[in-house]
């Protein structure tokens, strides 16, 4: 996801049927709720289709965007590099992607810059799975073991390495990270018996557990702590020309975050299942319960300086960002929209 062509790579592992790339309009059922003038269509590019982004789907299904006079037209980028490229080339108006993408662009010579205006996830959503159930997991048991990781330089791997370091393990010496398995082949590799441990995102982790093929041992995000993992961003030009859309978008997300925090799990599943055709509703329920319990979903769109500093610490520790290329919080995050969200 970092370094060269993979610097933006945020390819979370989602089963082939989850991430239906392409685009579709989603606000029509709520047109009557919108302002009197026709809703504004906003080209929205999400990096992948994932339970990690549930509040965004809730904002659509519950009509919160429509209430703001906004009609999102969704495209799934299938990779952070692709989503950022769409944003910078005017192929998208708003993108949901990792902060590292905006950091790299700000630190580059690109004349077009992207700014983050609204937070969605508080930290990494990957789970560490093992083949045996344990009552109390001890990170030291990973020493010398083979672990199915992720693509070198990718944010999932960088966060996992940060979790290892936090627990006294050297990612380069103490464990055997298998990072050469292609994303579509990861589940098959695990099911075939390769590796003793693996990291998976939801709902894959939940489905593997439901099938009795693995057990969740630890949350990478909970271990690392707050470090805003995914956020909404747009180019300087789009924000400057469309401040009312940026504010309306943030308002809709803020309302969805509050709704998601309080809603019964069954209601969450009922409102997101259309975005996950073919996925076991039980897996969606388990995943939703877990993310809410672990506080993976933010409950407010506000992004604080501390988590952004930690995010950059992780990038530096992973040798994908130099200290000299770190960016200032105020250059990366536009705070006015989240602070006024209602």
C-alpha atoms as a PDB file:
ATOM      1  CA  UNK A   1       0.000   0.000   0.000  1.00  0.00           C
ATOM      2  CA  UNK A   2       2.988   2.172   0.384  1.00  0.00           C
ATOM      3  CA  UNK A   3       6.248   2.283  -1.612  1.00  0.00           C
ATOM      4  CA  UNK A   4       5.797   2.571  -5.360  1.00  0.00           C
ATOM      5  CA  UNK A   5       2.743   1.075  -6.938  1.00  0.00           C
ATOM      6  CA  UNK A   6       1.560  -0.458  -3.686  1.00  0.00           C
ATOM      7  CA  UNK A   7       1.870   2.636  -1.498  1.00  0.00           C
ATOM      8  CA  UNK A   8      -1.862   3.133  -1.433  1.00  0.00           C
ATOM      9  CA  UNK A   9      -2.831  -0.523  -1.293  1.00  0.00           C
ATOM     10  CA  UNK A  10      -5.614  -1.036   1.192  1.00  0.00           C
ATOM     11  CA  UNK A  11      -6.919  -4.304  -0.165  1.00  0.00           C
ATOM     12  CA  UNK A  12      -8.669  -5.789   2.812  1.00  0.00           C
ATOM     13  CA  UNK A  13      -9.575  -9.415   2.289  1.00  0.00           C
ATOM     14  CA  UNK A  14     -13.224  -9.642   1.320  1.00  0.00           C
ATOM     15  CA  UNK A  15     -14.724 -12.610  -0.472  1.00  0.00           C
ATOM     16  CA  UNK A  16     -15.201 -12.269  -4.160  1.00  0.00           C
ATOM     17  CA  UNK A  17     -18.921 -11.645  -3.910  1.00  0.00           C
ATOM     18  CA  UNK A  18     -18.627  -8.929  -1.292  1.00  0.00           C
ATOM     19  CA  UNK A  19     -17.119  -6.097  -3.190  1.00  0.00           C
ATOM     20  CA  UNK A  20     -19.183  -5.704  -6.332  1.00  0.00           C
ATOM     21  CA  UNK A  21     -17.208  -3.048  -8.106  1.00  0.00           C
ATOM     22  CA  UNK A  22     -19.089  -0.674 -10.310  1.00  0.00           C
ATOM     23  CA  UNK A  23     -21.586   1.968  -9.422  1.00  0.00           C
ATOM     24  CA  UNK A  24     -25.203   2.326  -8.500  1.00  0.00           C
ATOM     25  CA  UNK A  25     -27.517   5.027  -7.231  1.00  0.00           C
ATOM     26  CA  UNK A  26     -28.855   4.452  -3.735  1.00  0.00           C
ATOM     27  CA  UNK A  27     -30.963   7.400  -2.598  1.00  0.00           C
ATOM     28  CA  UNK A  28     -34.110   6.999  -4.692  1.00  0.00           C
ATOM     29  CA  UNK A  29     -36.258   5.367  -1.953  1.00  0.00           C
ATOM     30  CA  UNK A  30     -35.653   8.403   0.196  1.00  0.00           C
ATOM     31  CA  UNK A  31     -36.129  11.110  -2.425  1.00  0.00           C
ATOM     32  CA  UNK A  32     -39.231  12.351  -0.650  1.00  0.00           C
ATOM     33  CA  UNK A  33     -37.142  13.069   2.425  1.00  0.00           C
ATOM     34  CA  UNK A  34     -34.659  15.225   0.566  1.00  0.00           C
ATOM     35  CA  UNK A  35     -34.791  18.968   0.192  1.00  0.00           C
ATOM     36  CA  UNK A  36     -37.298  20.354  -2.271  1.00  0.00           C
ATOM     37  CA  UNK A  37     -34.681  20.701  -4.968  1.00  0.00           C
ATOM     38  CA  UNK A  38     -33.398  17.478  -6.549  1.00  0.00           C
ATOM     39  CA  UNK A  39     -30.653  15.749  -4.530  1.00  0.00           C
ATOM     40  CA  UNK A  40     -27.087  16.347  -5.598  1.00  0.00           C
ATOM     41  CA  UNK A  41     -25.388  13.256  -6.973  1.00  0.00           C
ATOM     42  CA  UNK A  42     -22.001  12.706  -5.367  1.00  0.00           C
ATOM     43  CA  UNK A  43     -19.549  10.248  -6.911  1.00  0.00           C
ATOM     44  CA  UNK A  44     -18.399   8.208  -3.946  1.00  0.00           C
ATOM     45  CA  UNK A  45     -15.504   5.737  -4.147  1.00  0.00           C
ATOM     46  CA  UNK A  46     -15.060   3.293  -1.251  1.00  0.00           C
ATOM     47  CA  UNK A  47     -11.763   1.432  -1.152  1.00  0.00           C
ATOM     48  CA  UNK A  48     -13.405  -1.991  -0.637  1.00  0.00           C
ATOM     49  CA  UNK A  49     -16.745  -3.373   0.493  1.00  0.00           C
ATOM     50  CA  UNK A  50     -16.377  -4.262   4.174  1.00  0.00           C
ATOM     51  CA  UNK A  51     -18.281  -4.535   7.453  1.00  0.00           C
ATOM     52  CA  UNK A  52     -15.608  -2.143   8.667  1.00  0.00           C
ATOM     53  CA  UNK A  53     -17.600   0.616   6.945  1.00  0.00           C
ATOM     54  CA  UNK A  54     -21.060  -0.186   8.311  1.00  0.00           C
ATOM     55  CA  UNK A  55     -21.959   3.383   9.389  1.00  0.00           C
ATOM     56  CA  UNK A  56     -21.498   4.530   5.783  1.00  0.00           C
ATOM     57  CA  UNK A  57     -23.980   1.906   4.575  1.00  0.00           C
ATOM     58  CA  UNK A  58     -26.365   2.859   7.369  1.00  0.00           C
ATOM     59  CA  UNK A  59     -26.246   6.491   6.219  1.00  0.00           C
ATOM     60  CA  UNK A  60     -27.443   5.262   2.834  1.00  0.00           C
ATOM     61  CA  UNK A  61     -30.023   2.675   3.868  1.00  0.00           C
ATOM     62  CA  UNK A  62     -31.593   4.841   6.581  1.00  0.00           C
ATOM     63  CA  UNK A  63     -31.845   7.838   4.261  1.00  0.00           C
ATOM     64  CA  UNK A  64     -29.502  10.103   6.208  1.00  0.00           C
ATOM     65  CA  UNK A  65     -27.742  11.257   3.042  1.00  0.00           C
ATOM     66  CA  UNK A  66     -31.089  11.881   1.380  1.00  0.00           C
ATOM     67  CA  UNK A  67     -32.090  14.077   4.316  1.00  0.00           C
ATOM     68  CA  UNK A  68     -29.076  16.231   3.467  1.00  0.00           C
ATOM     69  CA  UNK A  69     -30.065  16.456  -0.199  1.00  0.00           C
ATOM     70  CA  UNK A  70     -27.267  14.103  -1.240  1.00  0.00           C
ATOM     71  CA  UNK A  71     -27.453  11.051  -3.487  1.00  0.00           C
ATOM     72  CA  UNK A  72     -24.260   8.959  -3.284  1.00  0.00           C
ATOM     73  CA  UNK A  73     -23.334   7.055  -6.427  1.00  0.00           C
ATOM     74  CA  UNK A  74     -21.051   4.295  -5.179  1.00  0.00           C
ATOM     75  CA  UNK A  75     -18.021   2.805  -6.868  1.00  0.00           C
ATOM     76  CA  UNK A  76     -15.795   0.254  -5.135  1.00  0.00           C
ATOM     77  CA  UNK A  77     -12.161   0.940  -5.943  1.00  0.00           C
ATOM     78  CA  UNK A  78     -10.721  -2.448  -4.957  1.00  0.00           C
ATOM     79  CA  UNK A  79      -7.508  -0.931  -3.692  1.00  0.00           C
ATOM     80  CA  UNK A  80      -6.314   2.260  -2.066  1.00  0.00           C
ATOM     81  CA  UNK A  81      -4.152   3.165  -5.034  1.00  0.00           C
ATOM     82  CA  UNK A  82      -7.135   2.929  -7.359  1.00  0.00           C
ATOM     83  CA  UNK A  83      -9.440   4.906  -5.079  1.00  0.00           C
ATOM     84  CA  UNK A  84      -6.920   7.697  -4.587  1.00  0.00           C
ATOM     85  CA  UNK A  85      -6.196   7.773  -8.316  1.00  0.00           C
ATOM     86  CA  UNK A  86      -9.922   8.200  -8.973  1.00  0.00           C
ATOM     87  CA  UNK A  87     -10.056  11.095  -6.520  1.00  0.00           C
ATOM     88  CA  UNK A  88      -7.006  12.888  -7.907  1.00  0.00           C
ATOM     89  CA  UNK A  89      -8.103  12.447 -11.533  1.00  0.00           C
ATOM     90  CA  UNK A  90     -11.622  13.789 -10.883  1.00  0.00           C
ATOM     91  CA  UNK A  91     -13.120  10.337 -11.233  1.00  0.00           C
ATOM     92  CA  UNK A  92     -14.652  10.633  -7.764  1.00  0.00           C
ATOM     93  CA  UNK A  93     -15.867  13.476  -5.567  1.00  0.00           C
ATOM     94  CA  UNK A  94     -15.462  11.846  -2.151  1.00  0.00           C
ATOM     95  CA  UNK A  95     -13.363   8.830  -1.199  1.00  0.00           C
ATOM     96  CA  UNK A  96     -13.360   6.491   1.782  1.00  0.00           C
ATOM     97  CA  UNK A  97      -9.769   5.395   2.187  1.00  0.00           C
ATOM     98  CA  UNK A  98      -6.887   5.227   4.634  1.00  0.00           C
ATOM     99  CA  UNK A  99      -5.177   8.413   5.878  1.00  0.00           C
ATOM    100  CA  UNK A 100      -1.850   7.151   4.541  1.00  0.00           C
ATOM    101  CA  UNK A 101      -3.007   7.912   1.017  1.00  0.00           C
ATOM    102  CA  UNK A 102      -3.562  11.587   1.810  1.00  0.00           C
ATOM    103  CA  UNK A 103      -0.305  11.677   3.771  1.00  0.00           C
ATOM    104  CA  UNK A 104       1.686  10.407   0.804  1.00  0.00           C
ATOM    105  CA  UNK A 105       0.015  12.849  -1.577  1.00  0.00           C
ATOM    106  CA  UNK A 106       0.600  15.787   0.761  1.00  0.00           C
ATOM    107  CA  UNK A 107       4.255  14.810   1.051  1.00  0.00           C
ATOM    108  CA  UNK A 108       4.608  14.448  -2.719  1.00  0.00           C
ATOM    109  CA  UNK A 109       4.954  16.920  -5.580  1.00  0.00           C
ATOM    110  CA  UNK A 110       1.389  16.299  -6.748  1.00  0.00           C
ATOM    111  CA  UNK A 111      -0.333  19.629  -7.505  1.00  0.00           C
ATOM    112  CA  UNK A 112      -3.636  18.135  -6.361  1.00  0.00           C
ATOM    113  CA  UNK A 113      -3.985  17.476  -2.650  1.00  0.00           C
ATOM    114  CA  UNK A 114      -6.576  15.509  -0.698  1.00  0.00           C
ATOM    115  CA  UNK A 115      -7.824  16.523   2.752  1.00  0.00           C
ATOM    116  CA  UNK A 116      -9.629  14.437   5.340  1.00  0.00           C
ATOM    117  CA  UNK A 117     -12.844  15.960   6.653  1.00  0.00           C
ATOM    118  CA  UNK A 118     -14.710  13.120   8.403  1.00  0.00           C
ATOM    119  CA  UNK A 119     -13.599  10.034  10.339  1.00  0.00           C
ATOM    120  CA  UNK A 120     -15.265   6.610  10.125  1.00  0.00           C
ATOM    121  CA  UNK A 121     -13.130   3.913  11.765  1.00  0.00           C
ATOM    122  CA  UNK A 122     -11.090   4.389  14.920  1.00  0.00           C
ATOM    123  CA  UNK A 123      -8.494   1.711  14.217  1.00  0.00           C
ATOM    124  CA  UNK A 124      -7.610  -1.473  12.310  1.00  0.00           C
ATOM    125  CA  UNK A 125     -10.409  -4.020  11.834  1.00  0.00           C
ATOM    126  CA  UNK A 126      -8.330  -7.187  11.374  1.00  0.00           C
ATOM    127  CA  UNK A 127      -8.532 -10.135  13.765  1.00  0.00           C
ATOM    128  CA  UNK A 128      -5.755 -12.584  14.604  1.00  0.00           C
ATOM    129  CA  UNK A 129      -7.017 -16.140  14.131  1.00  0.00           C
ATOM    130  CA  UNK A 130      -5.515 -19.393  15.340  1.00  0.00           C
ATOM    131  CA  UNK A 131      -6.325 -23.036  14.712  1.00  0.00           C
ATOM    132  CA  UNK A 132      -6.951 -23.847  18.354  1.00  0.00           C
ATOM    133  CA  UNK A 133      -9.219 -22.177  20.864  1.00  0.00           C
ATOM    134  CA  UNK A 134      -7.472 -20.708  23.895  1.00  0.00           C
ATOM    135  CA  UNK A 135      -8.989 -19.210  27.021  1.00  0.00           C
ATOM    136  CA  UNK A 136      -6.404 -16.463  27.390  1.00  0.00           C
ATOM    137  CA  UNK A 137      -4.206 -15.585  24.440  1.00  0.00           C
ATOM    138  CA  UNK A 138      -0.548 -14.763  25.072  1.00  0.00           C
ATOM    139  CA  UNK A 139       1.255 -13.014  22.228  1.00  0.00           C
ATOM    140  CA  UNK A 140       4.480 -14.795  23.151  1.00  0.00           C
ATOM    141  CA  UNK A 141       2.992 -18.026  21.785  1.00  0.00           C
ATOM    142  CA  UNK A 142       3.480 -16.571  18.296  1.00  0.00           C
ATOM    143  CA  UNK A 143       7.254 -16.745  18.596  1.00  0.00           C
ATOM    144  CA  UNK A 144       8.690 -18.973  15.890  1.00  0.00           C
ATOM    145  CA  UNK A 145       5.276 -19.583  14.313  1.00  0.00           C
ATOM    146  CA  UNK A 146       4.168 -19.174  10.703  1.00  0.00           C
ATOM    147  CA  UNK A 147       1.563 -16.437  10.291  1.00  0.00           C
ATOM    148  CA  UNK A 148      -0.413 -15.565   7.180  1.00  0.00           C
ATOM    149  CA  UNK A 149       0.141 -11.840   6.953  1.00  0.00           C
ATOM    150  CA  UNK A 150      -0.539  -9.392   4.166  1.00  0.00           C
ATOM    151  CA  UNK A 151       1.182  -7.709   1.268  1.00  0.00           C
ATOM    152  CA  UNK A 152       4.524  -6.099   2.226  1.00  0.00           C
ATOM    153  CA  UNK A 153       4.072  -2.395   2.913  1.00  0.00           C
ATOM    154  CA  UNK A 154       0.308  -2.687   3.247  1.00  0.00           C
ATOM    155  CA  UNK A 155      -1.464  -1.035   6.150  1.00  0.00           C
ATOM    156  CA  UNK A 156      -2.921  -4.337   7.463  1.00  0.00           C
ATOM    157  CA  UNK A 157       0.610  -5.729   7.723  1.00  0.00           C
ATOM    158  CA  UNK A 158       2.028  -2.513   9.196  1.00  0.00           C
ATOM    159  CA  UNK A 159      -0.599  -2.488  11.946  1.00  0.00           C
ATOM    160  CA  UNK A 160      -0.033  -6.179  12.674  1.00  0.00           C
ATOM    161  CA  UNK A 161       3.696  -5.570  12.933  1.00  0.00           C
ATOM    162  CA  UNK A 162       2.954  -2.696  15.319  1.00  0.00           C
ATOM    163  CA  UNK A 163       0.880  -5.077  17.457  1.00  0.00           C
ATOM    164  CA  UNK A 164       3.750  -7.569  17.492  1.00  0.00           C
ATOM    165  CA  UNK A 165       6.251  -4.904  18.560  1.00  0.00           C
ATOM    166  CA  UNK A 166       3.916  -3.683  21.280  1.00  0.00           C
ATOM    167  CA  UNK A 167       3.971  -7.209  22.696  1.00  0.00           C
ATOM    168  CA  UNK A 168       7.729  -7.594  22.593  1.00  0.00           C
ATOM    169  CA  UNK A 169       8.057  -9.460  19.296  1.00  0.00           C
ATOM    170  CA  UNK A 170      10.305  -8.475  16.412  1.00  0.00           C
ATOM    171  CA  UNK A 171       8.310  -8.979  13.175  1.00  0.00           C
ATOM    172  CA  UNK A 172      11.510  -9.665  11.243  1.00  0.00           C
ATOM    173  CA  UNK A 173      13.108 -12.126  13.662  1.00  0.00           C
ATOM    174  CA  UNK A 174      10.600 -13.655  16.070  1.00  0.00           C
ATOM    175  CA  UNK A 175       7.845 -14.802  13.684  1.00  0.00           C
ATOM    176  CA  UNK A 176       7.613 -16.163  10.156  1.00  0.00           C
ATOM    177  CA  UNK A 177       5.301 -13.829   8.259  1.00  0.00           C
ATOM    178  CA  UNK A 178       3.930 -15.272   5.038  1.00  0.00           C
ATOM    179  CA  UNK A 179       3.197 -12.194   2.933  1.00  0.00           C
ATOM    180  CA  UNK A 180       3.310 -13.684  -0.553  1.00  0.00           C
ATOM    181  CA  UNK A 181      -0.220 -15.107  -0.748  1.00  0.00           C
ATOM    182  CA  UNK A 182      -2.485 -13.218  -3.150  1.00  0.00           C
ATOM    183  CA  UNK A 183      -5.519 -11.603  -1.562  1.00  0.00           C
ATOM    184  CA  UNK A 184      -8.112 -13.802  -3.336  1.00  0.00           C
ATOM    185  CA  UNK A 185      -6.189 -16.914  -2.271  1.00  0.00           C
ATOM    186  CA  UNK A 186      -5.828 -16.103   1.431  1.00  0.00           C
ATOM    187  CA  UNK A 187      -8.953 -17.860   2.676  1.00  0.00           C
ATOM    188  CA  UNK A 188      -8.251 -20.920   0.549  1.00  0.00           C
ATOM    189  CA  UNK A 189      -4.691 -21.003   1.816  1.00  0.00           C
ATOM    190  CA  UNK A 190      -5.903 -20.965   5.415  1.00  0.00           C
ATOM    191  CA  UNK A 191      -8.566 -23.600   4.832  1.00  0.00           C
ATOM    192  CA  UNK A 192      -5.991 -25.870   3.183  1.00  0.00           C
ATOM    193  CA  UNK A 193      -4.078 -25.975   6.450  1.00  0.00           C
ATOM    194  CA  UNK A 194      -1.221 -23.631   5.679  1.00  0.00           C
ATOM    195  CA  UNK A 195       0.146 -21.448   8.510  1.00  0.00           C
ATOM    196  CA  UNK A 196      -0.603 -21.690  12.207  1.00  0.00           C
ATOM    197  CA  UNK A 197      -2.057 -18.200  12.558  1.00  0.00           C
ATOM    198  CA  UNK A 198      -3.516 -15.583  10.226  1.00  0.00           C
ATOM    199  CA  UNK A 199      -5.042 -12.114  10.160  1.00  0.00           C
ATOM    200  CA  UNK A 200      -8.474 -11.660   8.593  1.00  0.00           C
ATOM    201  CA  UNK A 201     -10.938  -8.798   8.402  1.00  0.00           C
ATOM    202  CA  UNK A 202     -14.707  -9.064   8.868  1.00  0.00           C
ATOM    203  CA  UNK A 203     -16.876 -10.766   7.858  1.00  0.00           C
ATOM    204  CA  UNK A 204     -14.271 -13.338   6.810  1.00  0.00           C
ATOM    205  CA  UNK A 205     -13.023 -13.808  10.367  1.00  0.00           C
ATOM    206  CA  UNK A 206     -16.565 -14.394  11.606  1.00  0.00           C
ATOM    207  CA  UNK A 207     -17.374 -16.855   8.821  1.00  0.00           C
ATOM    208  CA  UNK A 208     -14.196 -18.858   9.461  1.00  0.00           C
ATOM    209  CA  UNK A 209     -15.184 -19.132  13.120  1.00  0.00           C
ATOM    210  CA  UNK A 210     -18.759 -20.094  12.283  1.00  0.00           C
ATOM    211  CA  UNK A 211     -17.415 -22.851  10.036  1.00  0.00           C
ATOM    212  CA  UNK A 212     -15.184 -24.114  12.841  1.00  0.00           C
ATOM    213  CA  UNK A 213     -12.026 -23.485  10.819  1.00  0.00           C
ATOM    214  CA  UNK A 214     -10.369 -21.034  13.177  1.00  0.00           C
ATOM    215  CA  UNK A 215     -10.710 -19.062  16.387  1.00  0.00           C
ATOM    216  CA  UNK A 216     -10.396 -15.347  17.029  1.00  0.00           C
ATOM    217  CA  UNK A 217      -7.553 -14.697  19.453  1.00  0.00           C
ATOM    218  CA  UNK A 218      -6.982 -10.945  19.386  1.00  0.00           C
ATOM    219  CA  UNK A 219      -8.055  -7.721  17.732  1.00  0.00           C
ATOM    220  CA  UNK A 220      -5.202  -5.949  15.987  1.00  0.00           C
ATOM    221  CA  UNK A 221      -6.949  -2.608  16.333  1.00  0.00           C
ATOM    222  CA  UNK A 222      -7.682  -3.038  20.022  1.00  0.00           C
ATOM    223  CA  UNK A 223      -4.056  -4.020  20.587  1.00  0.00           C
ATOM    224  CA  UNK A 224      -2.609  -1.072  18.677  1.00  0.00           C
ATOM    225  CA  UNK A 225      -5.118   1.437  20.025  1.00  0.00           C
ATOM    226  CA  UNK A 226      -6.795   4.462  18.397  1.00  0.00           C
ATOM    227  CA  UNK A 227      -5.228   5.325  15.035  1.00  0.00           C
ATOM    228  CA  UNK A 228      -7.913   6.444  12.595  1.00  0.00           C
ATOM    229  CA  UNK A 229      -7.771   3.695   9.973  1.00  0.00           C
ATOM    230  CA  UNK A 230     -10.246   4.907   7.361  1.00  0.00           C
ATOM    231  CA  UNK A 231     -11.712   8.342   6.673  1.00  0.00           C
ATOM    232  CA  UNK A 232     -13.585  10.417   4.121  1.00  0.00           C
ATOM    233  CA  UNK A 233     -11.572  12.803   2.005  1.00  0.00           C
ATOM    234  CA  UNK A 234     -11.873  15.035  -1.033  1.00  0.00           C
ATOM    235  CA  UNK A 235      -9.608  17.308  -3.037  1.00  0.00           C
ATOM    236  CA  UNK A 236      -8.991  20.893  -2.004  1.00  0.00           C
ATOM    237  CA  UNK A 237     -10.832  22.076  -5.091  1.00  0.00           C
ATOM    238  CA  UNK A 238     -13.959  20.006  -4.444  1.00  0.00           C
ATOM    239  CA  UNK A 239     -14.109  21.043  -0.808  1.00  0.00           C
ATOM    240  CA  UNK A 240     -13.625  24.705  -1.680  1.00  0.00           C
ATOM    241  CA  UNK A 241     -16.367  24.612  -4.315  1.00  0.00           C
ATOM    242  CA  UNK A 242     -18.835  22.402  -2.396  1.00  0.00           C
ATOM    243  CA  UNK A 243     -18.650  23.167   1.338  1.00  0.00           C
ATOM    244  CA  UNK A 244     -22.374  22.499   1.783  1.00  0.00           C
ATOM    245  CA  UNK A 245     -22.005  18.975   0.379  1.00  0.00           C
ATOM    246  CA  UNK A 246     -19.015  18.280   2.620  1.00  0.00           C
ATOM    247  CA  UNK A 247     -20.980  19.474   5.656  1.00  0.00           C
ATOM    248  CA  UNK A 248     -24.085  17.536   4.631  1.00  0.00           C
ATOM    249  CA  UNK A 249     -22.029  14.380   4.095  1.00  0.00           C
ATOM    250  CA  UNK A 250     -20.463  14.751   7.523  1.00  0.00           C
ATOM    251  CA  UNK A 251     -23.869  15.363   9.108  1.00  0.00           C
ATOM    252  CA  UNK A 252     -25.210  12.146   7.559  1.00  0.00           C
ATOM    253  CA  UNK A 253     -22.247  10.106   8.785  1.00  0.00           C
ATOM    254  CA  UNK A 254     -22.510  11.589  12.284  1.00  0.00           C
ATOM    255  CA  UNK A 255     -26.177  10.601  12.446  1.00  0.00           C
ATOM    256  CA  UNK A 256     -25.361   7.102  11.179  1.00  0.00           C
ATOM    257  CA  UNK A 257     -22.629   6.722  13.779  1.00  0.00           C
ATOM    258  CA  UNK A 258     -25.052   7.552  16.583  1.00  0.00           C
ATOM    259  CA  UNK A 259     -27.678   5.195  15.142  1.00  0.00           C
ATOM    260  CA  UNK A 260     -25.176   2.348  14.755  1.00  0.00           C
ATOM    261  CA  UNK A 261     -23.922   2.782  18.294  1.00  0.00           C
ATOM    262  CA  UNK A 262     -27.393   2.301  19.776  1.00  0.00           C
ATOM    263  CA  UNK A 263     -29.259   0.021  17.340  1.00  0.00           C
ATOM    264  CA  UNK A 264     -29.951  -3.678  17.971  1.00  0.00           C
ATOM    265  CA  UNK A 265     -27.626  -5.925  16.001  1.00  0.00           C
ATOM    266  CA  UNK A 266     -30.555  -7.404  14.088  1.00  0.00           C
ATOM    267  CA  UNK A 267     -31.477  -3.929  12.852  1.00  0.00           C
ATOM    268  CA  UNK A 268     -27.907  -3.273  11.743  1.00  0.00           C
ATOM    269  CA  UNK A 269     -27.829  -6.514   9.759  1.00  0.00           C
ATOM    270  CA  UNK A 270     -31.221  -5.781   8.225  1.00  0.00           C
ATOM    271  CA  UNK A 271     -29.980  -2.397   7.016  1.00  0.00           C
ATOM    272  CA  UNK A 272     -26.641  -3.548   5.589  1.00  0.00           C
ATOM    273  CA  UNK A 273     -27.439  -6.950   4.075  1.00  0.00           C
ATOM    274  CA  UNK A 274     -28.254  -5.427   0.668  1.00  0.00           C
ATOM    275  CA  UNK A 275     -24.617  -4.338   0.452  1.00  0.00           C
ATOM    276  CA  UNK A 276     -23.379  -7.888   1.130  1.00  0.00           C
ATOM    277  CA  UNK A 277     -25.276 -10.212  -1.213  1.00  0.00           C
ATOM    278  CA  UNK A 278     -24.542 -13.861  -0.569  1.00  0.00           C
ATOM    279  CA  UNK A 279     -22.957 -13.271   2.831  1.00  0.00           C
ATOM    280  CA  UNK A 280     -24.252 -15.279   5.783  1.00  0.00           C
ATOM    281  CA  UNK A 281     -26.386 -12.918   7.939  1.00  0.00           C
ATOM    282  CA  UNK A 282     -25.017 -14.677  11.013  1.00  0.00           C
ATOM    283  CA  UNK A 283     -21.501 -13.668   9.985  1.00  0.00           C
ATOM    284  CA  UNK A 284     -22.678 -10.075   9.543  1.00  0.00           C
ATOM    285  CA  UNK A 285     -24.196 -10.183  13.032  1.00  0.00           C
ATOM    286  CA  UNK A 286     -21.087 -11.656  14.664  1.00  0.00           C
ATOM    287  CA  UNK A 287     -18.874  -9.149  12.852  1.00  0.00           C
ATOM    288  CA  UNK A 288     -21.098  -6.199  13.765  1.00  0.00           C
ATOM    289  CA  UNK A 289     -21.250  -7.223  17.416  1.00  0.00           C
ATOM    290  CA  UNK A 290     -17.506  -7.593  17.532  1.00  0.00           C
ATOM    291  CA  UNK A 291     -16.684  -4.274  15.877  1.00  0.00           C
ATOM    292  CA  UNK A 292     -19.081  -2.398  18.100  1.00  0.00           C
ATOM    293  CA  UNK A 293     -17.787  -4.083  21.260  1.00  0.00           C
ATOM    294  CA  UNK A 294     -14.196  -3.341  20.268  1.00  0.00           C
ATOM    295  CA  UNK A 295     -15.088   0.272  19.363  1.00  0.00           C
ATOM    296  CA  UNK A 296     -13.687  -0.148  15.854  1.00  0.00           C
ATOM    297  CA  UNK A 297     -16.416   2.118  14.477  1.00  0.00           C
ATOM    298  CA  UNK A 298     -16.063   5.741  15.511  1.00  0.00           C
ATOM    299  CA  UNK A 299     -19.030   7.262  17.328  1.00  0.00           C
ATOM    300  CA  UNK A 300     -18.227  10.761  16.099  1.00  0.00           C
ATOM    301  CA  UNK A 301     -16.715  12.065  12.845  1.00  0.00           C
ATOM    302  CA  UNK A 302     -14.135  14.105  14.759  1.00  0.00           C
ATOM    303  CA  UNK A 303     -10.504  13.046  14.250  1.00  0.00           C
ATOM    304  CA  UNK A 304      -8.112  14.004  17.044  1.00  0.00           C
ATOM    305  CA  UNK A 305      -4.386  14.771  16.623  1.00  0.00           C
ATOM    306  CA  UNK A 306      -3.160  11.869  18.779  1.00  0.00           C
ATOM    307  CA  UNK A 307      -4.470   9.015  16.606  1.00  0.00           C
ATOM    308  CA  UNK A 308      -3.086  10.664  13.464  1.00  0.00           C
ATOM    309  CA  UNK A 309       0.335  10.968  15.090  1.00  0.00           C
ATOM    310  CA  UNK A 310       0.169   7.296  16.049  1.00  0.00           C
ATOM    311  CA  UNK A 311      -0.807   6.374  12.496  1.00  0.00           C
ATOM    312  CA  UNK A 312       2.269   8.164  11.183  1.00  0.00           C
ATOM    313  CA  UNK A 313       4.401   6.501  13.873  1.00  0.00           C
ATOM    314  CA  UNK A 314       3.292   3.137  12.458  1.00  0.00           C
ATOM    315  CA  UNK A 315       4.168   4.201   8.918  1.00  0.00           C
ATOM    316  CA  UNK A 316       7.611   5.366  10.025  1.00  0.00           C
ATOM    317  CA  UNK A 317       8.249   2.177  12.023  1.00  0.00           C
ATOM    318  CA  UNK A 318       7.303   0.180   8.944  1.00  0.00           C
ATOM    319  CA  UNK A 319       9.831   2.083   6.796  1.00  0.00           C
ATOM    320  CA  UNK A 320       7.207   3.374   4.381  1.00  0.00           C
ATOM    321  CA  UNK A 321       7.359   6.994   5.568  1.00  0.00           C
ATOM    322  CA  UNK A 322      10.419   8.964   6.593  1.00  0.00           C
ATOM    323  CA  UNK A 323      10.363  11.262   9.578  1.00  0.00           C
ATOM    324  CA  UNK A 324      11.045  14.172   7.237  1.00  0.00           C
ATOM    325  CA  UNK A 325       7.887  13.366   5.257  1.00  0.00           C
ATOM    326  CA  UNK A 326       5.514  13.389   8.221  1.00  0.00           C
ATOM    327  CA  UNK A 327       2.695  15.871   7.735  1.00  0.00           C
ATOM    328  CA  UNK A 328       1.135  18.249  10.204  1.00  0.00           C
ATOM    329  CA  UNK A 329      -2.284  17.413  11.610  1.00  0.00           C
ATOM    330  CA  UNK A 330      -3.684  20.776  10.545  1.00  0.00           C
ATOM    331  CA  UNK A 331      -2.490  20.225   6.970  1.00  0.00           C
ATOM    332  CA  UNK A 332      -4.111  16.792   6.763  1.00  0.00           C
ATOM    333  CA  UNK A 333      -7.353  17.165   8.710  1.00  0.00           C
ATOM    334  CA  UNK A 334     -10.070  19.777   8.148  1.00  0.00           C
ATOM    335  CA  UNK A 335     -11.799  19.962  11.514  1.00  0.00           C
ATOM    336  CA  UNK A 336     -14.583  22.453  10.887  1.00  0.00           C
ATOM    337  CA  UNK A 337     -17.060  20.060   9.278  1.00  0.00           C
ATOM    338  CA  UNK A 338     -16.907  17.319  11.907  1.00  0.00           C
ATOM    339  CA  UNK A 339     -17.015  19.858  14.736  1.00  0.00           C
ATOM    340  CA  UNK A 340     -20.256  21.310  13.326  1.00  0.00           C
ATOM    341  CA  UNK A 341     -21.867  17.965  12.432  1.00  0.00           C
ATOM    342  CA  UNK A 342     -25.385  17.472  13.724  1.00  0.00           C
END
